[in-house]
Amino acid sequence: MHLHLGGKESDIVVFLIQYVDRVVLLETNSHIHFRTQPAGKNLLALSQSWLANLEHQIADAMNEARVATNDAARGAAEEKRSRLAASIAAFKAKAGIT
Protein backbone atom coordinates (compact mmCIF):
# COMPACT_ATOMS: atom_id res chain seq x y z
CA MET A 1 0.00 0.00 0.00
CA HIS A 2 0.98 3.61 -0.24
CA LEU A 3 -0.37 6.80 1.30
CA HIS A 4 -0.11 10.27 -0.25
CA LEU A 5 1.31 12.70 2.32
CA GLY A 6 0.43 15.91 0.53
CA GLY A 7 -3.03 15.03 -0.77
CA LYS A 8 -4.31 12.92 -3.66
CA GLU A 9 -2.10 14.51 -6.33
CA SER A 10 1.07 14.55 -4.19
CA ASP A 11 4.13 12.63 -5.35
CA ILE A 12 5.30 12.22 -1.74
CA VAL A 13 4.11 8.84 -0.54
CA VAL A 14 4.70 6.40 2.32
CA PHE A 15 4.95 2.75 1.31
CA LEU A 16 3.69 0.32 3.94
CA ILE A 17 2.54 -3.18 4.71
CA GLN A 18 -0.69 -3.38 6.69
CA TYR A 19 -1.38 -6.21 9.16
CA VAL A 20 -4.37 -6.81 11.41
CA ASP A 21 -2.51 -5.53 14.48
CA ARG A 22 0.21 -3.24 13.04
CA VAL A 23 1.50 -1.31 10.08
CA VAL A 24 5.10 -1.64 8.86
CA LEU A 25 6.38 1.53 7.19
CA LEU A 26 8.83 0.65 4.44
CA GLU A 27 9.90 4.07 3.24
CA THR A 28 8.88 7.56 2.20
CA ASN A 29 9.53 8.22 -1.47
CA SER A 30 7.89 9.29 -4.73
CA HIS A 31 5.88 7.05 -7.06
CA ILE A 32 9.21 5.73 -8.37
CA HIS A 33 8.29 2.14 -7.47
CA PHE A 34 5.44 2.21 -9.97
CA ARG A 35 7.90 2.99 -12.77
CA THR A 36 9.90 -0.23 -12.29
CA GLN A 37 9.30 -3.34 -14.37
CA PRO A 38 7.55 -5.16 -12.94
CA ALA A 39 5.89 -2.38 -10.96
CA GLY A 40 6.94 -2.46 -7.34
CA LYS A 41 9.97 -4.74 -7.68
CA ASN A 42 11.97 -2.35 -5.46
CA LEU A 43 9.38 -2.80 -2.74
CA LEU A 44 10.07 -6.52 -2.82
CA ALA A 45 13.74 -5.74 -2.20
CA LEU A 46 12.78 -3.52 0.76
CA SER A 47 10.63 -6.30 2.20
CA GLN A 48 13.42 -8.84 1.76
CA SER A 49 15.85 -6.47 3.44
CA TRP A 50 13.42 -6.05 6.34
CA LEU A 51 13.16 -9.85 6.69
CA ALA A 52 16.94 -10.25 6.60
CA ASN A 53 17.29 -7.59 9.30
CA LEU A 54 14.77 -9.41 11.50
CA GLU A 55 16.64 -12.68 10.98
CA HIS A 56 19.88 -11.00 12.13
CA GLN A 57 18.08 -9.63 15.17
CA ILE A 58 16.81 -13.14 15.97
CA ALA A 59 20.36 -14.50 15.78
CA ASP A 60 21.53 -11.71 18.10
CA ALA A 61 18.74 -12.46 20.57
CA MET A 62 19.60 -16.16 20.52
CA ASN A 63 23.22 -15.29 21.27
CA GLU A 64 22.12 -12.93 24.08
CA ALA A 65 20.09 -15.77 25.61
CA ARG A 66 23.02 -18.16 25.28
CA VAL A 67 25.47 -15.86 27.09
CA ALA A 68 22.99 -14.45 29.63
CA THR A 69 24.27 -14.55 33.18
CA ASN A 70 20.86 -14.71 34.85
CA ASP A 71 17.35 -16.00 34.25
CA ALA A 72 15.85 -12.52 33.77
CA ALA A 73 18.28 -11.61 30.98
CA ARG A 74 17.84 -15.03 29.38
CA GLY A 75 14.05 -14.72 29.52
CA ALA A 76 14.10 -11.22 28.03
CA ALA A 77 16.31 -12.36 25.15
CA GLU A 78 14.13 -15.41 24.49
CA GLU A 79 10.99 -13.25 24.54
CA LYS A 80 12.58 -10.84 22.05
CA ARG A 81 13.54 -13.76 19.78
CA SER A 82 10.00 -15.11 19.99
CA ARG A 83 8.43 -11.74 19.07
CA LEU A 84 10.76 -11.33 16.10
CA ALA A 85 10.08 -14.88 14.89
CA ALA A 86 6.33 -14.21 15.13
CA SER A 87 6.78 -11.05 13.03
CA ILE A 88 8.58 -13.01 10.34
CA ALA A 89 5.95 -15.78 10.39
CA ALA A 90 3.10 -13.25 10.12
CA PHE A 91 4.80 -11.42 7.25
CA LYS A 92 5.48 -14.64 5.35
CA ALA A 93 1.91 -15.87 5.89
CA LYS A 94 0.46 -12.57 4.67
CA ALA A 95 2.79 -12.54 1.66
CA GLY A 96 2.22 -16.22 0.86
CA ILE A 97 5.89 -17.05 1.38
CA THR A 98 6.70 -20.51 2.71
PDB file of N, CA and C in Angstrom:
ATOM      1  N   MET A   1       0.846  -1.179   0.000  1.00  0.00           N
ATOM      2  CA  MET A   1       0.000   0.000   0.000  1.00  0.00           C
ATOM      3  C   MET A   1       0.891   1.241   0.000  1.00  0.00           C
ATOM      4  N   HIS A   2       0.287   2.333  -0.366  1.00  0.00           N
ATOM      5  CA  HIS A   2       0.981   3.606  -0.243  1.00  0.00           C
ATOM      6  C   HIS A   2      -0.035   4.695   0.125  1.00  0.00           C
ATOM      7  N   LEU A   3       0.451   5.666   0.877  1.00  0.00           N
ATOM      8  CA  LEU A   3      -0.367   6.800   1.302  1.00  0.00           C
ATOM      9  C   LEU A   3       0.250   8.082   0.773  1.00  0.00           C
ATOM     10  N   HIS A   4      -0.574   8.966   0.236  1.00  0.00           N
ATOM     11  CA  HIS A   4      -0.114  10.271  -0.245  1.00  0.00           C
ATOM     12  C   HIS A   4      -0.037  11.228   0.936  1.00  0.00           C
ATOM     13  N   LEU A   5       1.139  11.796   1.178  1.00  0.00           N
ATOM     14  CA  LEU A   5       1.306  12.697   2.323  1.00  0.00           C
ATOM     15  C   LEU A   5       0.793  14.100   2.056  1.00  0.00           C
ATOM     16  N   GLY A   6       0.828  14.541   0.818  1.00  0.00           N
ATOM     17  CA  GLY A   6       0.433  15.910   0.528  1.00  0.00           C
ATOM     18  C   GLY A   6      -0.905  16.021  -0.173  1.00  0.00           C
ATOM     19  N   GLY A   7      -1.751  15.020  -0.079  1.00  0.00           N
ATOM     20  CA  GLY A   7      -3.029  15.030  -0.773  1.00  0.00           C
ATOM     21  C   GLY A   7      -2.990  14.090  -1.967  1.00  0.00           C
ATOM     22  N   LYS A   8      -4.138  13.911  -2.595  1.00  0.00           N
ATOM     23  CA  LYS A   8      -4.309  12.919  -3.659  1.00  0.00           C
ATOM     24  C   LYS A   8      -3.317  13.081  -4.812  1.00  0.00           C
ATOM     25  N   GLU A   9      -2.994  14.277  -5.196  1.00  0.00           N
ATOM     26  CA  GLU A   9      -2.097  14.512  -6.335  1.00  0.00           C
ATOM     27  C   GLU A   9      -0.628  14.587  -5.942  1.00  0.00           C
ATOM     28  N   SER A  10      -0.307  14.444  -4.668  1.00  0.00           N
ATOM     29  CA  SER A  10       1.069  14.555  -4.194  1.00  0.00           C
ATOM     30  C   SER A  10       1.920  13.386  -4.682  1.00  0.00           C
ATOM     31  N   ASP A  11       3.186  13.682  -4.968  1.00  0.00           N
ATOM     32  CA  ASP A  11       4.129  12.631  -5.345  1.00  0.00           C
ATOM     33  C   ASP A  11       4.989  12.222  -4.146  1.00  0.00           C
ATOM     34  N   ILE A  12       4.615  12.642  -2.959  1.00  0.00           N
ATOM     35  CA  ILE A  12       5.302  12.218  -1.741  1.00  0.00           C
ATOM     36  C   ILE A  12       4.422  11.181  -1.074  1.00  0.00           C
ATOM     37  N   VAL A  13       4.917   9.950  -1.041  1.00  0.00           N
ATOM     38  CA  VAL A  13       4.110   8.842  -0.537  1.00  0.00           C
ATOM     39  C   VAL A  13       4.889   8.026   0.490  1.00  0.00           C
ATOM     40  N   VAL A  14       4.143   7.356   1.364  1.00  0.00           N
ATOM     41  CA  VAL A  14       4.701   6.403   2.318  1.00  0.00           C
ATOM     42  C   VAL A  14       4.268   5.017   1.860  1.00  0.00           C
ATOM     43  N   PHE A  15       5.239   4.134   1.666  1.00  0.00           N
ATOM     44  CA  PHE A  15       4.946   2.749   1.313  1.00  0.00           C
ATOM     45  C   PHE A  15       4.888   1.941   2.601  1.00  0.00           C
ATOM     46  N   LEU A  16       3.892   1.057   2.697  1.00  0.00           N
ATOM     47  CA  LEU A  16       3.687   0.325   3.939  1.00  0.00           C
ATOM     48  C   LEU A  16       3.103  -1.047   3.679  1.00  0.00           C
ATOM     49  N   ILE A  17       3.212  -1.886   4.702  1.00  0.00           N
ATOM     50  CA  ILE A  17       2.543  -3.183   4.714  1.00  0.00           C
ATOM     51  C   ILE A  17       1.589  -3.150   5.891  1.00  0.00           C
ATOM     52  N   GLN A  18       0.338  -3.451   5.659  1.00  0.00           N
ATOM     53  CA  GLN A  18      -0.687  -3.380   6.694  1.00  0.00           C
ATOM     54  C   GLN A  18      -1.030  -4.784   7.177  1.00  0.00           C
ATOM     55  N   TYR A  19      -0.981  -4.964   8.509  1.00  0.00           N
ATOM     56  CA  TYR A  19      -1.382  -6.210   9.158  1.00  0.00           C
ATOM     57  C   TYR A  19      -2.631  -5.940   9.994  1.00  0.00           C
ATOM     58  N   VAL A  20      -3.195  -6.964  10.564  1.00  0.00           N
ATOM     59  CA  VAL A  20      -4.371  -6.811  11.414  1.00  0.00           C
ATOM     60  C   VAL A  20      -4.040  -5.957  12.637  1.00  0.00           C
ATOM     61  N   ASP A  21      -2.852  -6.176  13.222  1.00  0.00           N
ATOM     62  CA  ASP A  21      -2.514  -5.525  14.481  1.00  0.00           C
ATOM     63  C   ASP A  21      -1.396  -4.496  14.384  1.00  0.00           C
ATOM     64  N   ARG A  22      -0.872  -4.224  13.170  1.00  0.00           N
ATOM     65  CA  ARG A  22       0.205  -3.243  13.043  1.00  0.00           C
ATOM     66  C   ARG A  22       0.372  -2.833  11.588  1.00  0.00           C
ATOM     67  N   VAL A  23       1.134  -1.778  11.409  1.00  0.00           N
ATOM     68  CA  VAL A  23       1.502  -1.308  10.080  1.00  0.00           C
ATOM     69  C   VAL A  23       3.018  -1.182  10.052  1.00  0.00           C
ATOM     70  N   VAL A  24       3.653  -1.747   9.025  1.00  0.00           N
ATOM     71  CA  VAL A  24       5.099  -1.643   8.862  1.00  0.00           C
ATOM     72  C   VAL A  24       5.364  -0.611   7.778  1.00  0.00           C
ATOM     73  N   LEU A  25       6.028   0.486   8.151  1.00  0.00           N
ATOM     74  CA  LEU A  25       6.375   1.531   7.194  1.00  0.00           C
ATOM     75  C   LEU A  25       7.670   1.135   6.500  1.00  0.00           C
ATOM     76  N   LEU A  26       7.648   1.051   5.183  1.00  0.00           N
ATOM     77  CA  LEU A  26       8.829   0.647   4.437  1.00  0.00           C
ATOM     78  C   LEU A  26       9.725   1.832   4.108  1.00  0.00           C
ATOM     79  N   GLU A  27       9.118   2.878   3.577  1.00  0.00           N
ATOM     80  CA  GLU A  27       9.901   4.065   3.245  1.00  0.00           C
ATOM     81  C   GLU A  27       8.985   5.190   2.796  1.00  0.00           C
ATOM     82  N   THR A  28       9.527   6.402   2.792  1.00  0.00           N
ATOM     83  CA  THR A  28       8.881   7.563   2.195  1.00  0.00           C
ATOM     84  C   THR A  28       9.627   7.846   0.904  1.00  0.00           C
ATOM     85  N   ASN A  29       8.890   8.037  -0.171  1.00  0.00           N
ATOM     86  CA  ASN A  29       9.526   8.221  -1.471  1.00  0.00           C
ATOM     87  C   ASN A  29       8.523   8.880  -2.407  1.00  0.00           C
ATOM     88  N   SER A  30       8.826   8.836  -3.699  1.00  0.00           N
ATOM     89  CA  SER A  30       7.889   9.288  -4.728  1.00  0.00           C
ATOM     90  C   SER A  30       7.188   8.054  -5.292  1.00  0.00           C
ATOM     91  N   HIS A  31       6.531   8.199  -6.407  1.00  0.00           N
ATOM     92  CA  HIS A  31       5.885   7.055  -7.063  1.00  0.00           C
ATOM     93  C   HIS A  31       6.882   6.221  -7.873  1.00  0.00           C
ATOM     94  N   ILE A  32       8.152   6.385  -7.598  1.00  0.00           N
ATOM     95  CA  ILE A  32       9.207   5.730  -8.370  1.00  0.00           C
ATOM     96  C   ILE A  32       9.012   4.218  -8.475  1.00  0.00           C
ATOM     97  N   HIS A  33       8.459   3.589  -7.455  1.00  0.00           N
ATOM     98  CA  HIS A  33       8.293   2.138  -7.469  1.00  0.00           C
ATOM     99  C   HIS A  33       7.272   1.671  -8.509  1.00  0.00           C
ATOM    100  N   PHE A  34       6.413   2.576  -8.950  1.00  0.00           N
ATOM    101  CA  PHE A  34       5.442   2.213  -9.974  1.00  0.00           C
ATOM    102  C   PHE A  34       6.033   2.302 -11.369  1.00  0.00           C
ATOM    103  N   ARG A  35       7.240   2.862 -11.469  1.00  0.00           N
ATOM    104  CA  ARG A  35       7.901   2.991 -12.766  1.00  0.00           C
ATOM    105  C   ARG A  35       8.832   1.809 -13.055  1.00  0.00           C
ATOM    106  N   THR A  36       9.032   0.924 -12.087  1.00  0.00           N
ATOM    107  CA  THR A  36       9.900  -0.232 -12.294  1.00  0.00           C
ATOM    108  C   THR A  36       9.158  -1.313 -13.059  1.00  0.00           C
ATOM    109  N   GLN A  37       9.897  -2.204 -13.664  1.00  0.00           N
ATOM    110  CA  GLN A  37       9.301  -3.341 -14.374  1.00  0.00           C
ATOM    111  C   GLN A  37       9.802  -4.625 -13.734  1.00  0.00           C
ATOM    112  N   PRO A  38       8.970  -5.418 -13.155  1.00  0.00           N
ATOM    113  CA  PRO A  38       7.551  -5.160 -12.938  1.00  0.00           C
ATOM    114  C   PRO A  38       7.344  -4.081 -11.880  1.00  0.00           C
ATOM    115  N   ALA A  39       6.191  -3.460 -11.909  1.00  0.00           N
ATOM    116  CA  ALA A  39       5.885  -2.379 -10.964  1.00  0.00           C
ATOM    117  C   ALA A  39       6.047  -2.878  -9.536  1.00  0.00           C
ATOM    118  N   GLY A  40       6.784  -2.127  -8.750  1.00  0.00           N
ATOM    119  CA  GLY A  40       6.937  -2.458  -7.337  1.00  0.00           C
ATOM    120  C   GLY A  40       8.077  -3.402  -7.005  1.00  0.00           C
ATOM    121  N   LYS A  41       8.918  -3.768  -7.977  1.00  0.00           N
ATOM    122  CA  LYS A  41       9.972  -4.743  -7.680  1.00  0.00           C
ATOM    123  C   LYS A  41      10.928  -4.224  -6.599  1.00  0.00           C
ATOM    124  N   ASN A  42      11.114  -2.906  -6.510  1.00  0.00           N
ATOM    125  CA  ASN A  42      11.974  -2.353  -5.459  1.00  0.00           C
ATOM    126  C   ASN A  42      11.358  -2.554  -4.081  1.00  0.00           C
ATOM    127  N   LEU A  43      10.036  -2.557  -4.016  1.00  0.00           N
ATOM    128  CA  LEU A  43       9.376  -2.796  -2.736  1.00  0.00           C
ATOM    129  C   LEU A  43       9.630  -4.218  -2.261  1.00  0.00           C
ATOM    130  N   LEU A  44       9.722  -5.145  -3.176  1.00  0.00           N
ATOM    131  CA  LEU A  44      10.067  -6.517  -2.818  1.00  0.00           C
ATOM    132  C   LEU A  44      11.453  -6.547  -2.189  1.00  0.00           C
ATOM    133  N   ALA A  45      12.390  -5.807  -2.761  1.00  0.00           N
ATOM    134  CA  ALA A  45      13.742  -5.743  -2.196  1.00  0.00           C
ATOM    135  C   ALA A  45      13.716  -5.142  -0.794  1.00  0.00           C
ATOM    136  N   LEU A  46      12.898  -4.111  -0.586  1.00  0.00           N
ATOM    137  CA  LEU A  46      12.778  -3.525   0.756  1.00  0.00           C
ATOM    138  C   LEU A  46      12.229  -4.545   1.748  1.00  0.00           C
ATOM    139  N   SER A  47      11.221  -5.284   1.333  1.00  0.00           N
ATOM    140  CA  SER A  47      10.634  -6.297   2.202  1.00  0.00           C
ATOM    141  C   SER A  47      11.649  -7.386   2.524  1.00  0.00           C
ATOM    142  N   GLN A  48      12.405  -7.814   1.527  1.00  0.00           N
ATOM    143  CA  GLN A  48      13.418  -8.842   1.755  1.00  0.00           C
ATOM    144  C   GLN A  48      14.503  -8.325   2.691  1.00  0.00           C
ATOM    145  N   SER A  49      14.865  -7.068   2.554  1.00  0.00           N
ATOM    146  CA  SER A  49      15.854  -6.470   3.444  1.00  0.00           C
ATOM    147  C   SER A  49      15.324  -6.432   4.871  1.00  0.00           C
ATOM    148  N   TRP A  50      14.048  -6.093   5.021  1.00  0.00           N
ATOM    149  CA  TRP A  50      13.419  -6.054   6.340  1.00  0.00           C
ATOM    150  C   TRP A  50      13.442  -7.439   6.974  1.00  0.00           C
ATOM    151  N   LEU A  51      13.123  -8.475   6.182  1.00  0.00           N
ATOM    152  CA  LEU A  51      13.158  -9.848   6.693  1.00  0.00           C
ATOM    153  C   LEU A  51      14.573 -10.247   7.101  1.00  0.00           C
ATOM    154  N   ALA A  52      15.557  -9.912   6.279  1.00  0.00           N
ATOM    155  CA  ALA A  52      16.945 -10.251   6.604  1.00  0.00           C
ATOM    156  C   ALA A  52      17.379  -9.567   7.889  1.00  0.00           C
ATOM    157  N   ASN A  53      16.960  -8.314   8.068  1.00  0.00           N
ATOM    158  CA  ASN A  53      17.292  -7.590   9.296  1.00  0.00           C
ATOM    159  C   ASN A  53      16.669  -8.278  10.513  1.00  0.00           C
ATOM    160  N   LEU A  54      15.411  -8.697  10.396  1.00  0.00           N
ATOM    161  CA  LEU A  54      14.770  -9.413  11.503  1.00  0.00           C
ATOM    162  C   LEU A  54      15.491 -10.721  11.803  1.00  0.00           C
ATOM    163  N   GLU A  55      15.924 -11.417  10.764  1.00  0.00           N
ATOM    164  CA  GLU A  55      16.636 -12.677  10.980  1.00  0.00           C
ATOM    165  C   GLU A  55      17.953 -12.440  11.709  1.00  0.00           C
ATOM    166  N   HIS A  56      18.648 -11.347  11.407  1.00  0.00           N
ATOM    167  CA  HIS A  56      19.885 -11.003  12.126  1.00  0.00           C
ATOM    168  C   HIS A  56      19.567 -10.672  13.580  1.00  0.00           C
ATOM    169  N   GLN A  57      18.471  -9.958  13.806  1.00  0.00           N
ATOM    170  CA  GLN A  57      18.080  -9.626  15.175  1.00  0.00           C
ATOM    171  C   GLN A  57      17.730 -10.887  15.967  1.00  0.00           C
ATOM    172  N   ILE A  58      17.120 -11.871  15.303  1.00  0.00           N
ATOM    173  CA  ILE A  58      16.812 -13.138  15.970  1.00  0.00           C
ATOM    174  C   ILE A  58      18.101 -13.839  16.373  1.00  0.00           C
ATOM    175  N   ALA A  59      19.070 -13.874  15.469  1.00  0.00           N
ATOM    176  CA  ALA A  59      20.360 -14.503  15.784  1.00  0.00           C
ATOM    177  C   ALA A  59      21.027 -13.791  16.960  1.00  0.00           C
ATOM    178  N   ASP A  60      20.963 -12.471  16.981  1.00  0.00           N
ATOM    179  CA  ASP A  60      21.532 -11.709  18.097  1.00  0.00           C
ATOM    180  C   ASP A  60      20.829 -12.041  19.406  1.00  0.00           C
ATOM    181  N   ALA A  61      19.502 -12.136  19.365  1.00  0.00           N
ATOM    182  CA  ALA A  61      18.736 -12.456  20.574  1.00  0.00           C
ATOM    183  C   ALA A  61      19.059 -13.867  21.058  1.00  0.00           C
ATOM    184  N   MET A  62      19.230 -14.793  20.130  1.00  0.00           N
ATOM    185  CA  MET A  62      19.601 -16.159  20.521  1.00  0.00           C
ATOM    186  C   MET A  62      20.965 -16.173  21.197  1.00  0.00           C
ATOM    187  N   ASN A  63      21.892 -15.375  20.666  1.00  0.00           N
ATOM    188  CA  ASN A  63      23.219 -15.285  21.272  1.00  0.00           C
ATOM    189  C   ASN A  63      23.138 -14.633  22.652  1.00  0.00           C
ATOM    190  N   GLU A  64      22.313 -13.588  22.774  1.00  0.00           N
ATOM    191  CA  GLU A  64      22.124 -12.932  24.082  1.00  0.00           C
ATOM    192  C   GLU A  64      21.591 -13.930  25.100  1.00  0.00           C
ATOM    193  N   ALA A  65      20.639 -14.765  24.697  1.00  0.00           N
ATOM    194  CA  ALA A  65      20.088 -15.771  25.614  1.00  0.00           C
ATOM    195  C   ALA A  65      21.153 -16.793  25.995  1.00  0.00           C
ATOM    196  N   ARG A  66      21.981 -17.162  25.032  1.00  0.00           N
ATOM    197  CA  ARG A  66      23.023 -18.159  25.281  1.00  0.00           C
ATOM    198  C   ARG A  66      24.054 -17.674  26.286  1.00  0.00           C
ATOM    199  N   VAL A  67      24.423 -16.397  26.220  1.00  0.00           N
ATOM    200  CA  VAL A  67      25.472 -15.865  27.093  1.00  0.00           C
ATOM    201  C   VAL A  67      24.917 -15.144  28.319  1.00  0.00           C
ATOM    202  N   ALA A  68      23.607 -15.145  28.488  1.00  0.00           N
ATOM    203  CA  ALA A  68      22.994 -14.448  29.628  1.00  0.00           C
ATOM    204  C   ALA A  68      23.517 -15.029  30.946  1.00  0.00           C
ATOM    205  N   THR A  69      23.723 -14.132  31.886  1.00  0.00           N
ATOM    206  CA  THR A  69      24.272 -14.554  33.182  1.00  0.00           C
ATOM    207  C   THR A  69      23.201 -14.778  34.232  1.00  0.00           C
ATOM    208  N   ASN A  70      21.947 -14.458  33.895  1.00  0.00           N
ATOM    209  CA  ASN A  70      20.859 -14.709  34.853  1.00  0.00           C
ATOM    210  C   ASN A  70      19.568 -15.031  34.105  1.00  0.00           C
ATOM    211  N   ASP A  71      18.623 -15.566  34.851  1.00  0.00           N
ATOM    212  CA  ASP A  71      17.353 -15.998  34.253  1.00  0.00           C
ATOM    213  C   ASP A  71      16.557 -14.847  33.643  1.00  0.00           C
ATOM    214  N   ALA A  72      16.609 -13.672  34.284  1.00  0.00           N
ATOM    215  CA  ALA A  72      15.850 -12.521  33.773  1.00  0.00           C
ATOM    216  C   ALA A  72      16.370 -12.093  32.404  1.00  0.00           C
ATOM    217  N   ALA A  73      17.681 -12.002  32.261  1.00  0.00           N
ATOM    218  CA  ALA A  73      18.276 -11.606  30.985  1.00  0.00           C
ATOM    219  C   ALA A  73      18.008 -12.670  29.924  1.00  0.00           C
ATOM    220  N   ARG A  74      18.105 -13.925  30.308  1.00  0.00           N
ATOM    221  CA  ARG A  74      17.844 -15.028  29.377  1.00  0.00           C
ATOM    222  C   ARG A  74      16.388 -14.987  28.919  1.00  0.00           C
ATOM    223  N   GLY A  75      15.474 -14.785  29.854  1.00  0.00           N
ATOM    224  CA  GLY A  75      14.048 -14.719  29.520  1.00  0.00           C
ATOM    225  C   GLY A  75      13.727 -13.555  28.606  1.00  0.00           C
ATOM    226  N   ALA A  76      14.337 -12.400  28.875  1.00  0.00           N
ATOM    227  CA  ALA A  76      14.096 -11.223  28.031  1.00  0.00           C
ATOM    228  C   ALA A  76      14.590 -11.458  26.607  1.00  0.00           C
ATOM    229  N   ALA A  77      15.759 -12.077  26.480  1.00  0.00           N
ATOM    230  CA  ALA A  77      16.309 -12.357  25.151  1.00  0.00           C
ATOM    231  C   ALA A  77      15.452 -13.381  24.415  1.00  0.00           C
ATOM    232  N   GLU A  78      14.982 -14.391  25.128  1.00  0.00           N
ATOM    233  CA  GLU A  78      14.133 -15.405  24.494  1.00  0.00           C
ATOM    234  C   GLU A  78      12.781 -14.830  24.086  1.00  0.00           C
ATOM    235  N   GLU A  79      12.252 -13.917  24.899  1.00  0.00           N
ATOM    236  CA  GLU A  79      10.990 -13.251  24.541  1.00  0.00           C
ATOM    237  C   GLU A  79      11.173 -12.381  23.292  1.00  0.00           C
ATOM    238  N   LYS A  80      12.287 -11.668  23.229  1.00  0.00           N
ATOM    239  CA  LYS A  80      12.578 -10.838  22.054  1.00  0.00           C
ATOM    240  C   LYS A  80      12.682 -11.717  20.809  1.00  0.00           C
ATOM    241  N   ARG A  81      13.396 -12.832  20.897  1.00  0.00           N
ATOM    242  CA  ARG A  81      13.536 -13.756  19.776  1.00  0.00           C
ATOM    243  C   ARG A  81      12.178 -14.275  19.334  1.00  0.00           C
ATOM    244  N   SER A  82      11.332 -14.595  20.294  1.00  0.00           N
ATOM    245  CA  SER A  82      10.004 -15.106  19.993  1.00  0.00           C
ATOM    246  C   SER A  82       9.150 -14.063  19.269  1.00  0.00           C
ATOM    247  N   ARG A  83       9.188 -12.816  19.723  1.00  0.00           N
ATOM    248  CA  ARG A  83       8.427 -11.738  19.070  1.00  0.00           C
ATOM    249  C   ARG A  83       8.899 -11.518  17.632  1.00  0.00           C
ATOM    250  N   LEU A  84      10.216 -11.527  17.447  1.00  0.00           N
ATOM    251  CA  LEU A  84      10.760 -11.329  16.105  1.00  0.00           C
ATOM    252  C   LEU A  84      10.381 -12.479  15.183  1.00  0.00           C
ATOM    253  N   ALA A  85      10.456 -13.707  15.697  1.00  0.00           N
ATOM    254  CA  ALA A  85      10.077 -14.877  14.894  1.00  0.00           C
ATOM    255  C   ALA A  85       8.600 -14.816  14.521  1.00  0.00           C
ATOM    256  N   ALA A  86       7.759 -14.345  15.426  1.00  0.00           N
ATOM    257  CA  ALA A  86       6.333 -14.206  15.134  1.00  0.00           C
ATOM    258  C   ALA A  86       6.103 -13.148  14.049  1.00  0.00           C
ATOM    259  N   SER A  87       6.894 -12.080  14.066  1.00  0.00           N
ATOM    260  CA  SER A  87       6.778 -11.049  13.031  1.00  0.00           C
ATOM    261  C   SER A  87       7.122 -11.608  11.666  1.00  0.00           C
ATOM    262  N   ILE A  88       8.190 -12.401  11.610  1.00  0.00           N
ATOM    263  CA  ILE A  88       8.577 -13.014  10.341  1.00  0.00           C
ATOM    264  C   ILE A  88       7.495 -13.974   9.860  1.00  0.00           C
ATOM    265  N   ALA A  89       6.988 -14.805  10.760  1.00  0.00           N
ATOM    266  CA  ALA A  89       5.952 -15.776  10.386  1.00  0.00           C
ATOM    267  C   ALA A  89       4.702 -15.071   9.878  1.00  0.00           C
ATOM    268  N   ALA A  90       4.297 -13.990  10.539  1.00  0.00           N
ATOM    269  CA  ALA A  90       3.104 -13.250  10.116  1.00  0.00           C
ATOM    270  C   ALA A  90       3.321 -12.615   8.747  1.00  0.00           C
ATOM    271  N   PHE A  91       4.496 -12.040   8.539  1.00  0.00           N
ATOM    272  CA  PHE A  91       4.803 -11.419   7.255  1.00  0.00           C
ATOM    273  C   PHE A  91       4.765 -12.456   6.142  1.00  0.00           C
ATOM    274  N   LYS A  92       5.424 -13.593   6.367  1.00  0.00           N
ATOM    275  CA  LYS A  92       5.476 -14.639   5.346  1.00  0.00           C
ATOM    276  C   LYS A  92       4.083 -15.208   5.056  1.00  0.00           C
ATOM    277  N   ALA A  93       3.271 -15.366   6.087  1.00  0.00           N
ATOM    278  CA  ALA A  93       1.912 -15.870   5.895  1.00  0.00           C
ATOM    279  C   ALA A  93       1.101 -14.871   5.060  1.00  0.00           C
ATOM    280  N   LYS A  94       1.212 -13.602   5.392  1.00  0.00           N
ATOM    281  CA  LYS A  94       0.464 -12.572   4.674  1.00  0.00           C
ATOM    282  C   LYS A  94       0.921 -12.473   3.209  1.00  0.00           C
ATOM    283  N   ALA A  95       2.234 -12.661   3.004  1.00  0.00           N
ATOM    284  CA  ALA A  95       2.788 -12.539   1.657  1.00  0.00           C
ATOM    285  C   ALA A  95       2.709 -13.839   0.864  1.00  0.00           C
ATOM    286  N   GLY A  96       2.296 -14.923   1.522  1.00  0.00           N
ATOM    287  CA  GLY A  96       2.219 -16.218   0.855  1.00  0.00           C
ATOM    288  C   GLY A  96       3.577 -16.841   0.615  1.00  0.00           C
ATOM    289  N   ILE A  97       4.533 -16.506   1.481  1.00  0.00           N
ATOM    290  CA  ILE A  97       5.893 -17.052   1.376  1.00  0.00           C
ATOM    291  C   ILE A  97       5.996 -18.236   2.324  1.00  0.00           C
ATOM    292  N   THR A  98       6.545 -19.334   1.836  1.00  0.00           N
ATOM    293  CA  THR A  98       6.702 -20.508   2.705  1.00  0.00           C
ATOM    294  C   THR A  98       8.107 -20.606   3.244  1.00  0.00           C
TER     295      THR A  98
END
